[in-house]
Protein backbone atom coordinates (compact mmCIF):
# COMPACT_ATOMS: atom_id res chain seq x y z
CA MET A 1 0.00 0.00 0.00
CA SER A 2 1.40 3.40 -1.00
CA HIS A 3 1.29 6.25 1.52
CA GLY A 4 3.12 8.83 -0.57
CA SER A 5 6.09 8.64 1.79
CA ARG A 6 8.81 6.01 1.94
CA LEU A 7 9.65 6.86 5.57
CA LEU A 8 6.00 6.60 6.62
CA GLY A 9 5.79 3.19 4.97
CA GLU A 10 8.92 2.06 6.81
CA LEU A 11 7.49 3.29 10.13
CA ILE A 12 4.24 1.36 9.55
CA ASP A 13 6.18 -1.80 8.64
CA ALA A 14 8.38 -1.42 11.74
CA LEU A 15 5.35 -1.07 14.05
CA ARG A 16 3.98 -4.37 12.75
CA CYS A 17 6.70 -6.26 14.65
CA LEU A 18 4.66 -5.70 17.85
CA PRO A 19 2.36 -8.56 18.95
CA GLY A 20 -1.23 -8.16 17.82
CA VAL A 21 -0.45 -5.19 15.56
CA GLY A 22 -1.60 -5.67 11.98
CA ALA A 23 -1.42 -3.32 9.02
CA LYS A 24 -4.42 -1.18 10.05
CA SER A 25 -3.30 -0.81 13.69
CA ALA A 26 0.25 0.03 12.63
CA GLN A 27 -1.04 2.66 10.20
CA ARG A 28 -3.26 4.19 12.91
CA MET A 29 -0.31 4.37 15.34
CA ALA A 30 2.00 5.91 12.74
CA PHE A 31 -0.57 8.54 11.73
CA HIS A 32 -1.25 9.37 15.40
CA LEU A 33 2.46 9.87 16.12
CA LEU A 34 2.97 12.08 13.08
CA GLU A 35 -0.24 14.10 13.49
CA ARG A 36 -0.41 14.57 17.27
CA GLU A 37 2.53 13.05 19.16
CA ARG A 38 5.79 13.97 17.45
CA GLN A 39 7.50 14.74 20.77
CA GLY A 40 6.24 11.46 22.24
CA GLY A 41 7.39 9.64 19.12
CA VAL A 42 10.90 11.06 19.46
CA ARG A 43 10.93 10.01 23.14
CA LEU A 44 9.66 6.54 22.16
CA ALA A 45 12.36 6.19 19.48
CA ALA A 46 15.09 7.18 21.96
CA ALA A 47 13.78 4.77 24.62
CA LEU A 48 13.55 1.95 22.08
CA GLU A 49 17.08 2.55 20.82
CA SER A 50 18.49 2.62 24.38
CA ALA A 51 16.59 -0.48 25.46
CA MET A 52 17.48 -2.50 22.35
CA ARG A 53 21.15 -1.54 22.77
CA ASP A 54 21.61 -1.71 26.53
CA VAL A 55 19.09 -4.18 28.01
CA GLY A 56 20.50 -7.68 28.32
CA ASN A 57 19.97 -10.46 30.85
CA CYS A 58 21.02 -10.66 34.48
CA THR A 59 23.90 -13.12 34.89
CA ARG A 60 22.28 -14.49 38.06
CA CYS A 61 18.55 -14.81 37.29
CA ARG A 62 18.35 -14.15 33.50
CA ASN A 63 15.72 -11.40 33.91
CA PHE A 64 16.02 -8.30 31.71
CA SER A 65 18.66 -5.92 33.05
CA GLU A 66 20.98 -3.19 31.80
CA THR A 67 23.54 -4.17 34.46
CA PRO A 68 25.30 -7.55 34.89
CA VAL A 69 23.23 -8.21 38.06
CA CYS A 70 19.65 -6.89 38.13
CA THR A 71 18.20 -4.77 40.96
CA LEU A 72 16.12 -7.71 42.30
CA CYS A 73 19.18 -9.96 42.65
CA ALA A 74 21.26 -7.12 44.11
CA SER A 75 18.64 -6.20 46.72
CA THR A 76 19.60 -7.01 50.31
CA SER A 77 15.98 -6.81 51.50
CA ARG A 78 14.79 -9.87 49.57
CA ASP A 79 14.77 -13.41 51.00
CA ARG A 80 17.67 -15.35 49.45
CA HIS A 81 16.36 -18.65 50.82
CA VAL A 82 13.35 -18.74 48.44
CA LEU A 83 13.71 -18.92 44.67
CA CYS A 84 10.77 -18.62 42.28
CA VAL A 85 11.29 -20.09 38.81
CA VAL A 86 9.22 -18.51 36.02
CA GLU A 87 9.09 -18.91 32.26
CA SER A 88 9.39 -15.26 31.26
CA PRO A 89 10.02 -11.71 32.50
CA SER A 90 6.30 -11.00 32.01
CA ASP A 91 5.47 -13.83 34.46
CA LEU A 92 7.92 -12.32 36.96
CA ALA A 93 6.21 -8.93 36.59
CA ALA A 94 2.78 -10.54 37.11
CA ILE A 95 3.91 -12.15 40.39
CA GLU A 96 5.56 -8.93 41.60
CA GLN A 97 2.36 -6.95 40.94
CA ALA A 98 -0.14 -9.49 42.33
CA THR A 99 1.59 -10.97 45.38
CA GLY A 100 3.69 -9.99 48.36
CA TYR A 101 6.49 -12.33 47.32
CA ARG A 102 9.87 -11.03 48.54
CA GLY A 103 12.22 -13.81 47.48
CA HIS A 104 14.44 -14.17 44.43
CA TYR A 105 13.71 -15.35 40.89
CA PHE A 106 15.12 -17.42 38.07
CA VAL A 107 13.79 -16.76 34.56
CA LEU A 108 13.87 -19.69 32.12
CA LEU A 109 13.13 -17.57 29.03
CA GLY A 110 10.97 -20.42 27.71
CA ARG A 111 9.87 -23.93 28.60
CA LEU A 112 11.08 -27.38 27.63
CA SER A 113 10.03 -27.98 24.04
CA PRO A 114 12.33 -30.32 22.08
CA LEU A 115 10.37 -29.66 18.85
CA ASP A 116 11.26 -25.97 19.15
CA GLY A 117 14.87 -26.72 20.06
CA LEU A 118 14.39 -25.68 23.70
CA GLY A 119 16.21 -28.07 26.00
CA PRO A 120 17.80 -27.71 29.47
CA ASP A 121 20.77 -25.70 28.16
CA GLU A 122 18.57 -23.15 26.38
CA LEU A 123 16.56 -22.63 29.58
CA GLY A 124 19.71 -22.02 31.63
CA LEU A 125 19.14 -25.08 33.79
CA PRO A 126 22.89 -25.73 34.30
CA LEU A 127 23.10 -22.20 35.78
CA LEU A 128 20.05 -22.94 37.96
CA ALA A 129 21.58 -26.21 39.19
CA GLU A 130 24.77 -24.33 40.04
CA ARG A 131 22.76 -21.79 42.01
CA LEU A 132 20.86 -24.49 43.89
CA GLY A 133 24.20 -26.10 44.74
CA GLU A 134 25.39 -22.94 46.52
CA GLY A 135 23.41 -24.02 49.60
CA GLU A 136 21.53 -20.75 50.07
CA VAL A 137 18.14 -21.74 48.56
CA GLU A 138 15.82 -23.71 50.87
CA GLU A 139 12.62 -23.63 48.80
CA MET A 140 12.18 -23.47 45.04
CA ILE A 141 8.75 -22.29 43.91
CA ILE A 142 7.97 -23.65 40.45
CA ALA A 143 5.75 -21.10 38.71
CA THR A 144 5.74 -22.41 35.15
CA ASN A 145 2.49 -22.05 33.23
CA PRO A 146 -0.05 -24.92 33.52
CA THR A 147 0.38 -26.01 29.90
CA VAL A 148 1.65 -29.38 28.68
CA GLU A 149 5.17 -27.95 28.19
CA GLY A 150 4.94 -26.03 31.47
CA GLU A 151 4.04 -29.20 33.37
CA ALA A 152 6.92 -31.12 31.75
CA THR A 153 9.26 -28.28 32.71
CA ALA A 154 7.90 -28.31 36.27
CA HIS A 155 8.58 -32.04 36.55
CA TYR A 156 12.17 -31.54 35.35
CA LEU A 157 12.64 -28.67 37.82
CA GLY A 158 11.26 -30.83 40.63
CA GLN A 159 13.88 -33.49 39.88
CA LEU A 160 16.57 -30.80 39.85
CA ALA A 161 15.47 -29.56 43.29
CA LYS A 162 15.28 -33.11 44.67
CA ALA A 163 18.84 -33.82 43.50
CA ALA A 164 20.00 -30.71 45.35
CA GLY A 165 18.06 -31.63 48.51
CA ILE A 166 15.82 -28.56 48.20
CA ARG A 167 12.07 -28.39 48.89
CA ALA A 168 10.15 -27.81 45.65
CA THR A 169 6.66 -26.33 45.62
CA ARG A 170 4.30 -25.72 42.70
CA LEU A 171 1.69 -23.00 42.30
CA ALA A 172 -1.77 -24.30 43.25
CA HIS A 173 -4.09 -24.76 40.29
CA GLY A 174 -6.25 -21.73 40.87
CA VAL A 175 -4.55 -20.71 37.63
CA PRO A 176 -6.66 -22.17 34.78
CA LEU A 177 -5.19 -25.14 32.91
CA GLY A 178 -3.86 -23.99 29.56
CA GLY A 179 -3.65 -20.38 30.76
CA GLU A 180 -0.73 -17.95 30.76
CA LEU A 181 0.29 -16.20 34.00
CA GLU A 182 0.48 -12.74 32.50
CA PHE A 183 -3.23 -12.92 31.53
CA VAL A 184 -4.54 -14.28 34.86
CA ASP A 185 -6.39 -11.77 37.05
CA ARG A 186 -4.64 -10.58 40.21
CA GLY A 187 -7.02 -12.25 42.67
CA THR A 188 -6.65 -15.69 41.05
CA LEU A 189 -2.88 -15.38 40.81
CA ALA A 190 -2.54 -14.16 44.41
CA HIS A 191 -4.71 -17.08 45.64
CA ALA A 192 -2.75 -19.63 43.60
CA PHE A 193 0.54 -18.21 44.85
CA GLY A 194 -0.58 -18.27 48.49
CA SER A 195 -1.87 -21.86 48.16
CA ARG A 196 1.22 -23.42 46.61
CA GLN A 197 1.78 -27.07 47.46
CA SER A 198 4.72 -29.44 47.82
CA LEU A 199 5.70 -31.20 44.63
CA GLY A 200 5.68 -34.97 44.90
CA SER A 201 8.64 -37.03 43.71
């Protein structure tokens, strides 16, 4: 589709990389920025450039961070004896917003899925095993999503915790089967988190 401007066309195409944004939505966003929000657009472009360049992953928990160790891992006020394992940074954010959890995290950046080439190494499980072996963690909360892959990942994590002599717990199934943590309402997630149960061998 021709817009009479090559740069406008490039902006619309670039916006389509966002999830759920099709051609019409991207066009609407681009027109809005150019018609009414040029200053906001410049700020957005600068923030995007900085984030894409400088945000990496924490060397300890694998969450997004612009420093080698993220602020959550560096905090002295959080409980180092409890470690919550999540699939993604968005799951971590959901737990932080919905619960009073004050322990540490480990972000898998995925879930076991051999068909997609995601095995233990891709999920950072050797790093997690090393962390469990440090002797500081007493409970590992497994907060993977209740999907088929999430359950398989939870089972693997349970075996990892057992080998390290650490108590493993799993979120209670107030979270709907087949659901994704980031889309669960706060009340349900808070209840599931508070009702976590021991994971059987």
